[in-house]
Protein backbone atom coordinates (compact mmCIF):
# COMPACT_ATOMS: atom_id res chain seq x y z
CA MET A 1 2.61 15.07 -13.40
CA THR A 2 -1.13 15.56 -13.30
CA MET A 3 -3.33 18.27 -11.90
CA GLN A 4 -5.42 17.00 -9.03
CA THR A 5 -8.20 18.75 -7.12
CA ASP A 6 -9.03 17.57 -3.62
CA SER A 7 -12.73 18.03 -2.95
CA PHE A 8 -12.26 17.80 0.82
CA HIS A 9 -10.18 20.93 1.27
CA GLY A 10 -10.50 22.70 -2.07
CA TYR A 11 -6.78 22.62 -2.80
CA THR A 12 -5.64 22.40 -6.40
CA GLY A 13 -2.00 21.56 -6.82
CA ILE A 14 0.47 19.47 -8.74
CA PHE A 15 0.49 15.98 -7.34
CA SER A 16 1.43 12.84 -9.19
CA THR A 17 -0.43 9.58 -8.68
CA ASN A 18 1.84 7.82 -11.15
CA ARG A 19 4.98 7.70 -9.01
CA THR A 20 5.05 4.48 -7.02
CA ALA A 21 8.60 4.27 -5.60
CA MET A 22 8.69 4.75 -1.82
CA LEU A 23 11.12 7.68 -1.94
CA GLU A 24 9.08 9.43 -4.63
CA ARG A 25 5.90 9.03 -2.60
CA ILE A 26 7.60 10.42 0.49
CA ILE A 27 8.76 13.47 -1.48
CA ASP A 28 5.21 13.88 -2.84
CA ALA A 29 3.91 13.78 0.73
CA TRP A 30 6.23 16.63 1.70
CA GLY A 31 4.56 18.69 -1.01
CA ASP A 32 0.95 17.70 -0.24
CA MET A 33 0.46 15.42 2.75
CA ARG A 34 -3.31 15.53 2.49
CA ALA A 35 -3.36 14.30 -1.10
CA SER A 36 -0.73 11.69 -0.27
CA SER A 37 -2.76 10.47 2.72
CA ARG A 38 -5.94 10.26 0.65
CA ARG A 39 -4.11 8.28 -2.04
CA LEU A 40 -2.86 5.77 0.54
CA ILE A 41 -6.27 5.46 2.21
CA ASP A 42 -7.94 4.84 -1.14
CA GLU A 43 -5.44 2.04 -1.82
CA ASN A 44 -6.85 0.28 1.27
CA PRO A 45 -3.48 -1.14 2.39
CA HIS A 46 -3.62 -4.31 4.47
CA GLU A 47 -2.33 -4.32 8.03
CA GLY A 48 0.95 -5.96 7.05
CA ARG A 49 1.77 -3.03 4.80
CA LEU A 50 0.98 -0.57 7.59
CA VAL A 51 3.26 -2.48 9.97
CA PHE A 52 5.98 -2.37 7.31
CA LEU A 53 5.66 1.42 7.15
CA ILE A 54 5.98 1.84 10.89
CA LEU A 55 8.90 -0.62 11.07
CA LEU A 56 10.76 1.45 8.46
CA SER A 57 10.18 4.57 10.57
CA ASP A 58 11.34 2.59 13.64
CA LEU A 59 14.60 1.85 11.86
CA VAL A 60 15.24 5.52 11.05
CA PHE A 61 14.24 6.45 14.61
CA PHE A 62 16.77 4.03 16.06
CA LEU A 63 19.50 5.15 13.68
CA SER A 64 18.97 8.86 14.28
CA TRP A 65 18.80 8.58 18.06
CA SER A 66 21.83 6.27 18.11
CA ILE A 67 23.77 8.99 16.30
CA LYS A 68 22.51 11.70 18.64
CA THR A 69 23.07 9.83 21.88
CA VAL A 70 25.76 7.19 21.32
CA VAL A 71 27.88 7.98 18.26
CA SER A 72 28.16 11.75 18.54
CA PRO A 73 26.30 13.22 21.53
CA MET A 74 26.60 16.91 22.37
CA SER A 75 28.64 17.39 25.55
CA SER A 76 25.89 19.25 27.42
CA ALA A 77 23.29 16.64 26.40
CA ALA A 78 25.56 13.73 27.34
CA ALA A 79 25.41 14.87 30.96
CA HIS A 80 21.68 14.06 30.99
CA MET A 81 21.97 10.61 29.44
CA PRO A 82 21.95 7.44 31.52
CA ALA A 83 24.93 5.13 31.30
CA GLU A 84 22.72 2.40 29.82
CA ILE A 85 21.54 4.60 26.93
CA GLY A 86 22.09 1.73 24.48
CA LEU A 87 19.62 -0.49 26.33
CA PHE A 88 17.23 2.45 26.57
CA LEU A 89 17.26 2.85 22.79
CA VAL A 90 16.73 -0.87 22.18
CA GLY A 91 13.80 -0.81 24.59
CA ALA A 92 12.35 2.27 22.91
CA LEU A 93 12.66 0.56 19.52
CA MET A 94 10.83 -2.54 20.77
CA ILE A 95 7.89 -0.63 22.24
CA ARG A 96 7.61 2.04 19.53
CA THR A 97 5.40 0.00 17.19
CA PRO A 98 2.78 -0.97 19.81
CA PHE A 99 2.97 2.61 21.13
CA MET A 100 2.07 3.92 17.67
CA TYR A 101 -1.07 1.76 17.74
CA LEU A 102 -1.96 3.24 21.13
CA PHE A 103 -1.16 6.74 19.89
CA SER A 104 -3.40 6.20 16.85
CA SER A 105 -6.25 5.19 19.17
CA ILE A 106 -5.81 8.37 21.21
CA VAL A 107 -5.71 10.53 18.08
CA PHE A 108 -8.80 8.76 16.74
CA GLY A 109 -10.68 9.37 19.99
CA ILE A 110 -9.78 13.06 20.05
CA ALA A 111 -10.74 13.47 16.39
CA LYS A 112 -14.13 11.91 17.10
CA ILE A 113 -14.70 14.31 20.00
CA PHE A 114 -14.27 17.19 17.56
CA GLY A 115 -16.59 15.67 14.96
CA GLY A 116 -14.15 13.66 12.86
CA GLN A 117 -15.66 11.33 10.28
CA GLY A 118 -12.76 8.94 9.76
CA THR A 119 -12.31 5.42 11.05
CA TRP A 120 -9.58 4.04 13.31
CA TYR A 121 -8.19 2.24 10.28
CA GLU A 122 -7.91 5.51 8.33
CA THR A 123 -6.36 7.14 11.38
CA ARG A 124 -3.72 4.39 11.59
CA VAL A 125 -2.95 4.79 7.90
CA CYS A 126 -2.30 8.51 8.36
CA VAL A 127 -0.34 8.20 11.61
CA PHE A 128 1.89 5.38 10.34
CA TRP A 129 2.46 7.12 7.00
CA ALA A 130 3.28 10.42 8.76
CA ALA A 131 5.75 8.60 11.02
CA LEU A 132 7.65 7.38 7.95
CA VAL A 133 7.35 10.61 5.95
CA SER A 134 8.69 12.66 8.88
CA ALA A 135 11.49 10.20 9.71
CA PRO A 136 14.07 11.81 7.37
CA PHE A 137 13.75 15.07 9.33
CA SER A 138 14.79 13.24 12.48
CA PHE A 139 17.81 11.89 10.65
CA ILE A 140 18.68 15.37 9.38
CA ALA A 141 18.45 16.64 12.96
CA ALA A 142 20.90 13.89 13.95
CA LEU A 143 23.34 15.07 11.30
CA VAL A 144 22.98 18.62 12.66
CA THR A 145 24.01 17.40 16.11
CA VAL A 146 27.03 15.65 14.57
CA GLY A 147 28.10 18.92 12.97
CA MET A 148 27.54 20.87 16.16
CA HIS A 149 29.46 18.27 18.16
CA GLY A 150 32.42 18.60 15.81
CA LEU A 151 32.42 22.39 16.15
CA GLU A 152 32.05 22.57 19.94
CA ASP A 153 35.76 23.31 20.47
CA TYR A 154 35.62 26.13 17.93
CA ILE A 155 32.18 27.56 18.74
CA PRO A 156 31.78 27.34 22.56
CA VAL A 157 28.14 28.43 22.46
CA PHE A 158 27.30 24.98 21.04
CA LYS A 159 28.08 23.60 24.51
CA GLU A 160 25.17 25.54 26.02
CA GLU A 161 22.07 23.46 26.70
CA TRP A 162 19.68 25.99 25.14
CA ILE A 163 21.60 25.55 21.86
CA SER A 164 22.52 21.86 21.95
CA LEU A 165 19.27 20.29 23.18
CA PRO A 166 16.67 21.63 20.66
CA PRO A 167 18.12 19.66 17.69
CA TYR A 168 17.36 16.46 19.60
CA TRP A 169 13.65 17.21 19.31
CA LEU A 170 13.44 19.03 15.95
CA GLY A 171 12.06 15.92 14.25
CA LEU A 172 8.96 16.16 16.44
CA ILE A 173 7.76 19.32 14.66
CA PRO A 174 7.35 17.85 11.14
CA PHE A 175 5.99 14.65 12.69
CA VAL A 176 3.17 16.55 14.43
CA TRP A 177 2.50 18.72 11.38
CA LEU A 178 2.34 15.81 8.93
CA ILE A 179 0.08 13.81 11.23
CA SER A 180 -2.18 16.86 11.53
CA GLU A 181 -2.41 17.10 7.73
CA GLY A 182 -3.23 13.39 7.46
CA ILE A 183 -5.83 13.48 10.22
CA THR A 184 -7.43 16.56 8.66
CA GLU A 185 -7.86 14.62 5.43
CA SER A 186 -8.95 11.30 6.90
CA HIS A 187 -11.52 12.87 9.23
CA LYS A 188 -12.69 15.42 6.64
CA PHE A 189 -11.88 18.51 8.69
CA LYS A 190 -11.85 21.75 6.72
CA LEU A 191 -8.61 23.25 8.09
CA SER A 192 -5.45 21.58 9.32
CA SER A 193 -4.22 24.43 11.58
CA PRO A 194 -6.70 23.71 14.43
CA VAL A 195 -5.76 20.02 14.24
CA PHE A 196 -2.09 21.00 14.41
CA MET A 197 -2.71 23.11 17.52
CA VAL A 198 -4.52 20.27 19.26
CA MET A 199 -1.78 17.82 18.28
CA THR A 200 0.87 20.25 19.55
CA VAL A 201 -0.85 20.56 22.91
CA LEU A 202 -1.14 16.77 23.14
CA SER A 203 2.55 16.33 22.28
CA LEU A 204 3.65 18.94 24.83
CA ALA A 205 1.46 17.31 27.47
CA CYS A 206 3.13 13.96 26.78
CA LEU A 207 6.61 15.50 26.99
CA PHE A 208 5.90 17.35 30.22
CA GLY A 209 4.28 14.23 31.65
CA ALA A 210 7.35 12.18 30.79
CA TYR A 211 9.67 14.73 32.35
CA TYR A 212 7.51 14.82 35.47
CA LEU A 213 7.73 11.03 35.78
CA LYS A 214 11.50 11.35 35.41
CA SER A 215 11.66 14.05 38.09
CA ILE A 216 9.91 11.82 40.64
CA GLY A 217 12.15 8.90 39.74
CA VAL A 218 9.65 6.68 37.93
CA PHE A 219 12.02 6.27 34.97
CA ASP A 220 14.92 7.99 33.27
CA LEU A 221 14.21 9.61 29.93
CA GLY A 222 17.86 9.83 28.99
CA ILE A 223 17.50 13.45 27.87
């Protein structure tokens, strides 16, 4: 390991630039997402590599949500799922990659409004990398729902919606946080906490908007 000082945010920590395996780089990102994002940006990855990153996160997304909604859904959550949940997941998988490009554009625009200095390319790098780095947390959340599903008969409280539904969305928290760290670095903001707050508000607005569209019958979210 080597000592590395990041001049953008004044953080000095242990971060290795020698590890090149994907899993090792993901673990490094959990320790210092800003340094990891800067390393990837400086490598100037071509678009094919960025697409590869988002496709890997798509795969974990599909696997985790298949576990949570098809293989081992919580009983209270299953009541909110459409019968064609399988088709819903396939559709979500197909549109997730182009959606991430759109999402990156929105994040880039918001960052520019607040004085961000990064480019759309750098924003895509950080968003796509954060999507992959946060993907394991979504899978862990899926395993939590499997455990809760198996214990429902022994711990009745697991059947309550206020207990069973939050694990379905736990992966969103590290996703938003890691994106905030990456955007802070790519756009040269001083602190990541304000970026995280803005990203949280944006995420909540998207969720509430989706639930509103569901309530008026535009589409069915599934959960």
